[in-house]
Amino acid sequence: MNQSSINKQEINYLVLIFNEFAKLHNISILEAYQYISQYKGLEFLLEFYDVNHTLSTDDVVDDVAAICAQNGGAL
């Protein structure tokens, strides 16, 4: 999915995930966004939005953390 085609529901969902990720890791929302973007978590969230949005927020935050870790991210 190309970022210019993101709809309002997807944006709201991404904001929710960034917020929950930030809370879990005790970082700012901006830091969460930057980290998730840098380590390919944003690509994962957008590519698999159709499945991810049906899962619990906790599961998705855990999955994003795992994806980021696999791509070199460490918090």
PDB file of N, CA and C in Angstrom:
ATOM      1  N   MET A   1       0.849  -1.181   0.000  1.00  0.00           N
ATOM      2  CA  MET A   1       0.000   0.000   0.000  1.00  0.00           C
ATOM      3  C   MET A   1       0.888   1.236   0.000  1.00  0.00           C
ATOM      4  N   ASN A   2       0.558   2.151  -0.827  1.00  0.00           N
ATOM      5  CA  ASN A   2       1.321   3.378  -0.934  1.00  0.00           C
ATOM      6  C   ASN A   2       0.769   4.398   0.070  1.00  0.00           C
ATOM      7  N   GLN A   3       1.683   5.145   0.685  1.00  0.00           N
ATOM      8  CA  GLN A   3       1.282   6.027   1.784  1.00  0.00           C
ATOM      9  C   GLN A   3       0.306   7.113   1.360  1.00  0.00           C
ATOM     10  N   SER A   4       0.265   7.474   0.070  1.00  0.00           N
ATOM     11  CA  SER A   4      -0.669   8.506  -0.346  1.00  0.00           C
ATOM     12  C   SER A   4      -2.099   7.978  -0.408  1.00  0.00           C
ATOM     13  N   SER A   5      -2.270   6.658  -0.313  1.00  0.00           N
ATOM     14  CA  SER A   5      -3.615   6.089  -0.371  1.00  0.00           C
ATOM     15  C   SER A   5      -4.156   5.694   1.007  1.00  0.00           C
ATOM     16  N   ILE A   6      -3.534   6.178   2.056  1.00  0.00           N
ATOM     17  CA  ILE A   6      -3.980   5.861   3.408  1.00  0.00           C
ATOM     18  C   ILE A   6      -5.286   6.601   3.691  1.00  0.00           C
ATOM     19  N   ASN A   7      -6.276   5.874   4.193  1.00  0.00           N
ATOM     20  CA  ASN A   7      -7.553   6.517   4.491  1.00  0.00           C
ATOM     21  C   ASN A   7      -7.637   6.905   5.971  1.00  0.00           C
ATOM     22  N   LYS A   8      -8.715   7.592   6.320  1.00  0.00           N
ATOM     23  CA  LYS A   8      -8.871   8.115   7.685  1.00  0.00           C
ATOM     24  C   LYS A   8      -8.883   6.996   8.734  1.00  0.00           C
ATOM     25  N   GLN A   9      -9.537   5.879   8.435  1.00  0.00           N
ATOM     26  CA  GLN A   9      -9.570   4.757   9.386  1.00  0.00           C
ATOM     27  C   GLN A   9      -8.174   4.216   9.641  1.00  0.00           C
ATOM     28  N   GLU A  10      -7.372   4.110   8.595  1.00  0.00           N
ATOM     29  CA  GLU A  10      -6.005   3.617   8.744  1.00  0.00           C
ATOM     30  C   GLU A  10      -5.157   4.598   9.548  1.00  0.00           C
ATOM     31  N   ILE A  11      -5.344   5.879   9.309  1.00  0.00           N
ATOM     32  CA  ILE A  11      -4.603   6.892  10.073  1.00  0.00           C
ATOM     33  C   ILE A  11      -4.964   6.794  11.554  1.00  0.00           C
ATOM     34  N   ASN A  12      -6.245   6.695  11.853  1.00  0.00           N
ATOM     35  CA  ASN A  12      -6.673   6.561  13.253  1.00  0.00           C
ATOM     36  C   ASN A  12      -6.083   5.314  13.884  1.00  0.00           C
ATOM     37  N   TYR A  13      -6.060   4.230  13.142  1.00  0.00           N
ATOM     38  CA  TYR A  13      -5.496   2.975  13.630  1.00  0.00           C
ATOM     39  C   TYR A  13      -3.999   3.125  13.914  1.00  0.00           C
ATOM     40  N   LEU A  14      -3.270   3.754  12.986  1.00  0.00           N
ATOM     41  CA  LEU A  14      -1.831   3.951  13.174  1.00  0.00           C
ATOM     42  C   LEU A  14      -1.562   4.805  14.408  1.00  0.00           C
ATOM     43  N   VAL A  15      -2.335   5.852  14.589  1.00  0.00           N
ATOM     44  CA  VAL A  15      -2.171   6.713  15.761  1.00  0.00           C
ATOM     45  C   VAL A  15      -2.387   5.906  17.040  1.00  0.00           C
ATOM     46  N   LEU A  16      -3.399   5.055  17.051  1.00  0.00           N
ATOM     47  CA  LEU A  16      -3.652   4.187  18.205  1.00  0.00           C
ATOM     48  C   LEU A  16      -2.445   3.302  18.486  1.00  0.00           C
ATOM     49  N   ILE A  17      -1.906   2.670  17.461  1.00  0.00           N
ATOM     50  CA  ILE A  17      -0.760   1.774  17.649  1.00  0.00           C
ATOM     51  C   ILE A  17       0.463   2.559  18.127  1.00  0.00           C
ATOM     52  N   PHE A  18       0.724   3.722  17.539  1.00  0.00           N
ATOM     53  CA  PHE A  18       1.861   4.540  17.990  1.00  0.00           C
ATOM     54  C   PHE A  18       1.701   4.928  19.454  1.00  0.00           C
ATOM     55  N   ASN A  19       0.490   5.321  19.842  1.00  0.00           N
ATOM     56  CA  ASN A  19       0.232   5.698  21.234  1.00  0.00           C
ATOM     57  C   ASN A  19       0.472   4.530  22.183  1.00  0.00           C
ATOM     58  N   GLU A  20      -0.064   3.381  21.844  1.00  0.00           N
ATOM     59  CA  GLU A  20       0.082   2.214  22.721  1.00  0.00           C
ATOM     60  C   GLU A  20       1.529   1.741  22.779  1.00  0.00           C
ATOM     61  N   PHE A  21       2.227   1.802  21.667  1.00  0.00           N
ATOM     62  CA  PHE A  21       3.646   1.434  21.625  1.00  0.00           C
ATOM     63  C   PHE A  21       4.445   2.378  22.508  1.00  0.00           C
ATOM     64  N   ALA A  22       4.152   3.668  22.408  1.00  0.00           N
ATOM     65  CA  ALA A  22       4.843   4.675  23.219  1.00  0.00           C
ATOM     66  C   ALA A  22       4.613   4.439  24.705  1.00  0.00           C
ATOM     67  N   LYS A  23       3.376   4.160  25.086  1.00  0.00           N
ATOM     68  CA  LYS A  23       3.062   3.893  26.495  1.00  0.00           C
ATOM     69  C   LYS A  23       3.812   2.673  26.999  1.00  0.00           C
ATOM     70  N   LEU A  24       3.784   1.596  26.213  1.00  0.00           N
ATOM     71  CA  LEU A  24       4.421   0.347  26.618  1.00  0.00           C
ATOM     72  C   LEU A  24       5.922   0.514  26.822  1.00  0.00           C
ATOM     73  N   HIS A  25       6.552   1.308  25.966  1.00  0.00           N
ATOM     74  CA  HIS A  25       8.009   1.458  26.010  1.00  0.00           C
ATOM     75  C   HIS A  25       8.455   2.758  26.685  1.00  0.00           C
ATOM     76  N   ASN A  26       7.498   3.485  27.265  1.00  0.00           N
ATOM     77  CA  ASN A  26       7.795   4.711  27.995  1.00  0.00           C
ATOM     78  C   ASN A  26       8.618   5.701  27.152  1.00  0.00           C
ATOM     79  N   ILE A  27       8.139   5.925  25.925  1.00  0.00           N
ATOM     80  CA  ILE A  27       8.760   6.888  25.023  1.00  0.00           C
ATOM     81  C   ILE A  27       7.657   7.816  24.507  1.00  0.00           C
ATOM     82  N   SER A  28       8.069   8.896  23.855  1.00  0.00           N
ATOM     83  CA  SER A  28       7.073   9.818  23.302  1.00  0.00           C
ATOM     84  C   SER A  28       6.415   9.201  22.064  1.00  0.00           C
ATOM     85  N   ILE A  29       5.291   9.750  21.691  1.00  0.00           N
ATOM     86  CA  ILE A  29       4.602   9.273  20.491  1.00  0.00           C
ATOM     87  C   ILE A  29       5.477   9.520  19.253  1.00  0.00           C
ATOM     88  N   LEU A  30       6.147  10.666  19.217  1.00  0.00           N
ATOM     89  CA  LEU A  30       7.046  10.956  18.097  1.00  0.00           C
ATOM     90  C   LEU A  30       8.169   9.924  18.022  1.00  0.00           C
ATOM     91  N   GLU A  31       8.750   9.591  19.168  1.00  0.00           N
ATOM     92  CA  GLU A  31       9.809   8.576  19.184  1.00  0.00           C
ATOM     93  C   GLU A  31       9.276   7.212  18.735  1.00  0.00           C
ATOM     94  N   ALA A  32       8.070   6.893  19.142  1.00  0.00           N
ATOM     95  CA  ALA A  32       7.457   5.633  18.721  1.00  0.00           C
ATOM     96  C   ALA A  32       7.282   5.623  17.200  1.00  0.00           C
ATOM     97  N   TYR A  33       6.738   6.712  16.649  1.00  0.00           N
ATOM     98  CA  TYR A  33       6.556   6.812  15.204  1.00  0.00           C
ATOM     99  C   TYR A  33       7.901   6.675  14.479  1.00  0.00           C
ATOM    100  N   GLN A  34       8.911   7.394  14.944  1.00  0.00           N
ATOM    101  CA  GLN A  34      10.217   7.362  14.284  1.00  0.00           C
ATOM    102  C   GLN A  34      10.832   5.966  14.334  1.00  0.00           C
ATOM    103  N   TYR A  35      10.738   5.326  15.488  1.00  0.00           N
ATOM    104  CA  TYR A  35      11.283   3.986  15.657  1.00  0.00           C
ATOM    105  C   TYR A  35      10.563   2.993  14.751  1.00  0.00           C
ATOM    106  N   ILE A  36       9.232   3.014  14.795  1.00  0.00           N
ATOM    107  CA  ILE A  36       8.435   2.084  13.994  1.00  0.00           C
ATOM    108  C   ILE A  36       8.689   2.313  12.510  1.00  0.00           C
ATOM    109  N   SER A  37       8.799   3.555  12.107  1.00  0.00           N
ATOM    110  CA  SER A  37       9.077   3.868  10.694  1.00  0.00           C
ATOM    111  C   SER A  37      10.469   3.408  10.281  1.00  0.00           C
ATOM    112  N   GLN A  38      11.444   3.700  11.102  1.00  0.00           N
ATOM    113  CA  GLN A  38      12.838   3.391  10.773  1.00  0.00           C
ATOM    114  C   GLN A  38      13.082   1.891  10.633  1.00  0.00           C
ATOM    115  N   TYR A  39      12.424   1.089  11.453  1.00  0.00           N
ATOM    116  CA  TYR A  39      12.698  -0.345  11.476  1.00  0.00           C
ATOM    117  C   TYR A  39      11.597  -1.179  10.821  1.00  0.00           C
ATOM    118  N   LYS A  40      10.938  -0.579   9.832  1.00  0.00           N
ATOM    119  CA  LYS A  40       9.983  -1.254   8.947  1.00  0.00           C
ATOM    120  C   LYS A  40       8.675  -1.706   9.592  1.00  0.00           C
ATOM    121  N   GLY A  41       8.390  -1.210  10.774  1.00  0.00           N
ATOM    122  CA  GLY A  41       7.125  -1.526  11.410  1.00  0.00           C
ATOM    123  C   GLY A  41       5.948  -0.853  10.717  1.00  0.00           C
ATOM    124  N   LEU A  42       6.166   0.348  10.204  1.00  0.00           N
ATOM    125  CA  LEU A  42       5.096   1.063   9.508  1.00  0.00           C
ATOM    126  C   LEU A  42       4.711   0.321   8.231  1.00  0.00           C
ATOM    127  N   GLU A  43       5.713  -0.176   7.510  1.00  0.00           N
ATOM    128  CA  GLU A  43       5.428  -0.973   6.305  1.00  0.00           C
ATOM    129  C   GLU A  43       4.564  -2.180   6.660  1.00  0.00           C
ATOM    130  N   PHE A  44       4.913  -2.849   7.750  1.00  0.00           N
ATOM    131  CA  PHE A  44       4.147  -4.009   8.220  1.00  0.00           C
ATOM    132  C   PHE A  44       2.709  -3.619   8.551  1.00  0.00           C
ATOM    133  N   LEU A  45       2.541  -2.531   9.283  1.00  0.00           N
ATOM    134  CA  LEU A  45       1.203  -2.095   9.676  1.00  0.00           C
ATOM    135  C   LEU A  45       0.337  -1.765   8.464  1.00  0.00           C
ATOM    136  N   LEU A  46       0.919  -1.116   7.483  1.00  0.00           N
ATOM    137  CA  LEU A  46       0.158  -0.737   6.296  1.00  0.00           C
ATOM    138  C   LEU A  46      -0.112  -1.935   5.384  1.00  0.00           C
ATOM    139  N   GLU A  47       0.895  -2.750   5.190  1.00  0.00           N
ATOM    140  CA  GLU A  47       0.737  -3.894   4.290  1.00  0.00           C
ATOM    141  C   GLU A  47      -0.305  -4.889   4.798  1.00  0.00           C
ATOM    142  N   PHE A  48      -0.330  -5.078   6.120  1.00  0.00           N
ATOM    143  CA  PHE A  48      -1.229  -6.076   6.697  1.00  0.00           C
ATOM    144  C   PHE A  48      -2.353  -5.449   7.514  1.00  0.00           C
ATOM    145  N   TYR A  49      -2.708  -4.224   7.177  1.00  0.00           N
ATOM    146  CA  TYR A  49      -3.774  -3.528   7.893  1.00  0.00           C
ATOM    147  C   TYR A  49      -5.048  -4.356   7.936  1.00  0.00           C
ATOM    148  N   ASP A  50      -5.416  -4.971   6.815  1.00  0.00           N
ATOM    149  CA  ASP A  50      -6.670  -5.716   6.745  1.00  0.00           C
ATOM    150  C   ASP A  50      -6.755  -6.822   7.790  1.00  0.00           C
ATOM    151  N   VAL A  51      -5.623  -7.401   8.165  1.00  0.00           N
ATOM    152  CA  VAL A  51      -5.598  -8.440   9.204  1.00  0.00           C
ATOM    153  C   VAL A  51      -5.336  -7.818  10.575  1.00  0.00           C
ATOM    154  N   ASN A  52      -4.339  -6.934  10.640  1.00  0.00           N
ATOM    155  CA  ASN A  52      -3.926  -6.369  11.931  1.00  0.00           C
ATOM    156  C   ASN A  52      -5.057  -5.665  12.671  1.00  0.00           C
ATOM    157  N   HIS A  53      -5.901  -4.952  11.943  1.00  0.00           N
ATOM    158  CA  HIS A  53      -6.937  -4.191  12.640  1.00  0.00           C
ATOM    159  C   HIS A  53      -8.006  -5.095  13.255  1.00  0.00           C
ATOM    160  N   THR A  54      -7.982  -6.377  12.930  1.00  0.00           N
ATOM    161  CA  THR A  54      -8.927  -7.319  13.548  1.00  0.00           C
ATOM    162  C   THR A  54      -8.351  -7.959  14.809  1.00  0.00           C
ATOM    163  N   LEU A  55      -7.074  -7.754  15.069  1.00  0.00           N
ATOM    164  CA  LEU A  55      -6.400  -8.323  16.237  1.00  0.00           C
ATOM    165  C   LEU A  55      -6.447  -7.354  17.411  1.00  0.00           C
ATOM    166  N   SER A  56      -6.100  -7.849  18.573  1.00  0.00           N
ATOM    167  CA  SER A  56      -6.043  -6.961  19.735  1.00  0.00           C
ATOM    168  C   SER A  56      -4.886  -5.973  19.567  1.00  0.00           C
ATOM    169  N   THR A  57      -5.047  -4.818  20.156  1.00  0.00           N
ATOM    170  CA  THR A  57      -3.993  -3.800  20.099  1.00  0.00           C
ATOM    171  C   THR A  57      -2.708  -4.334  20.706  1.00  0.00           C
ATOM    172  N   ASP A  58      -2.811  -5.048  21.816  1.00  0.00           N
ATOM    173  CA  ASP A  58      -1.619  -5.615  22.460  1.00  0.00           C
ATOM    174  C   ASP A  58      -0.871  -6.554  21.519  1.00  0.00           C
ATOM    175  N   ASP A  59      -1.613  -7.396  20.807  1.00  0.00           N
ATOM    176  CA  ASP A  59      -0.971  -8.328  19.874  1.00  0.00           C
ATOM    177  C   ASP A  59      -0.257  -7.589  18.755  1.00  0.00           C
ATOM    178  N   VAL A  60      -0.885  -6.557  18.232  1.00  0.00           N
ATOM    179  CA  VAL A  60      -0.280  -5.801  17.136  1.00  0.00           C
ATOM    180  C   VAL A  60       0.959  -5.048  17.625  1.00  0.00           C
ATOM    181  N   VAL A  61       0.895  -4.453  18.794  1.00  0.00           N
ATOM    182  CA  VAL A  61       2.060  -3.751  19.350  1.00  0.00           C
ATOM    183  C   VAL A  61       3.209  -4.737  19.545  1.00  0.00           C
ATOM    184  N   ASP A  62       2.916  -5.916  20.046  1.00  0.00           N
ATOM    185  CA  ASP A  62       3.947  -6.949  20.205  1.00  0.00           C
ATOM    186  C   ASP A  62       4.525  -7.363  18.852  1.00  0.00           C
ATOM    187  N   ASP A  63       3.655  -7.533  17.858  1.00  0.00           N
ATOM    188  CA  ASP A  63       4.111  -7.910  16.521  1.00  0.00           C
ATOM    189  C   ASP A  63       4.994  -6.825  15.905  1.00  0.00           C
ATOM    190  N   VAL A  64       4.599  -5.578  16.073  1.00  0.00           N
ATOM    191  CA  VAL A  64       5.402  -4.469  15.540  1.00  0.00           C
ATOM    192  C   VAL A  64       6.766  -4.436  16.218  1.00  0.00           C
ATOM    193  N   ALA A  65       6.795  -4.638  17.516  1.00  0.00           N
ATOM    194  CA  ALA A  65       8.077  -4.668  18.236  1.00  0.00           C
ATOM    195  C   ALA A  65       8.967  -5.789  17.702  1.00  0.00           C
ATOM    196  N   ALA A  66       8.377  -6.942  17.429  1.00  0.00           N
ATOM    197  CA  ALA A  66       9.144  -8.074  16.900  1.00  0.00           C
ATOM    198  C   ALA A  66       9.672  -7.773  15.494  1.00  0.00           C
ATOM    199  N   ILE A  67       8.833  -7.176  14.654  1.00  0.00           N
ATOM    200  CA  ILE A  67       9.258  -6.804  13.297  1.00  0.00           C
ATOM    201  C   ILE A  67      10.416  -5.810  13.363  1.00  0.00           C
ATOM    202  N   CYS A  68      10.285  -4.811  14.212  1.00  0.00           N
ATOM    203  CA  CYS A  68      11.332  -3.798  14.350  1.00  0.00           C
ATOM    204  C   CYS A  68      12.632  -4.422  14.872  1.00  0.00           C
ATOM    205  N   ALA A  69      12.517  -5.315  15.830  1.00  0.00           N
ATOM    206  CA  ALA A  69      13.703  -5.980  16.371  1.00  0.00           C
ATOM    207  C   ALA A  69      14.407  -6.807  15.283  1.00  0.00           C
ATOM    208  N   GLN A  70      13.620  -7.476  14.458  1.00  0.00           N
ATOM    209  CA  GLN A  70      14.192  -8.265  13.356  1.00  0.00           C
ATOM    210  C   GLN A  70      14.921  -7.390  12.350  1.00  0.00           C
ATOM    211  N   ASN A  71      14.543  -6.135  12.301  1.00  0.00           N
ATOM    212  CA  ASN A  71      15.164  -5.194  11.360  1.00  0.00           C
ATOM    213  C   ASN A  71      16.185  -4.279  12.024  1.00  0.00           C
ATOM    214  N   GLY A  72      16.692  -4.687  13.175  1.00  0.00           N
ATOM    215  CA  GLY A  72      17.766  -3.960  13.823  1.00  0.00           C
ATOM    216  C   GLY A  72      17.374  -3.015  14.931  1.00  0.00           C
ATOM    217  N   GLY A  73      16.103  -2.904  15.228  1.00  0.00           N
ATOM    218  CA  GLY A  73      15.657  -1.991  16.277  1.00  0.00           C
ATOM    219  C   GLY A  73      15.863  -2.584  17.662  1.00  0.00           C
ATOM    220  N   ALA A  74      16.270  -1.746  18.574  1.00  0.00           N
ATOM    221  CA  ALA A  74      16.426  -2.158  19.971  1.00  0.00           C
ATOM    222  C   ALA A  74      16.002  -0.993  20.851  1.00  0.00           C
ATOM    223  N   LEU A  75      15.113  -1.273  21.781  1.00  0.00           N
ATOM    224  CA  LEU A  75      14.668  -0.206  22.706  1.00  0.00           C
ATOM    225  C   LEU A  75      15.289  -0.416  24.058  1.00  0.00           C
TER     226      LEU A  75
END
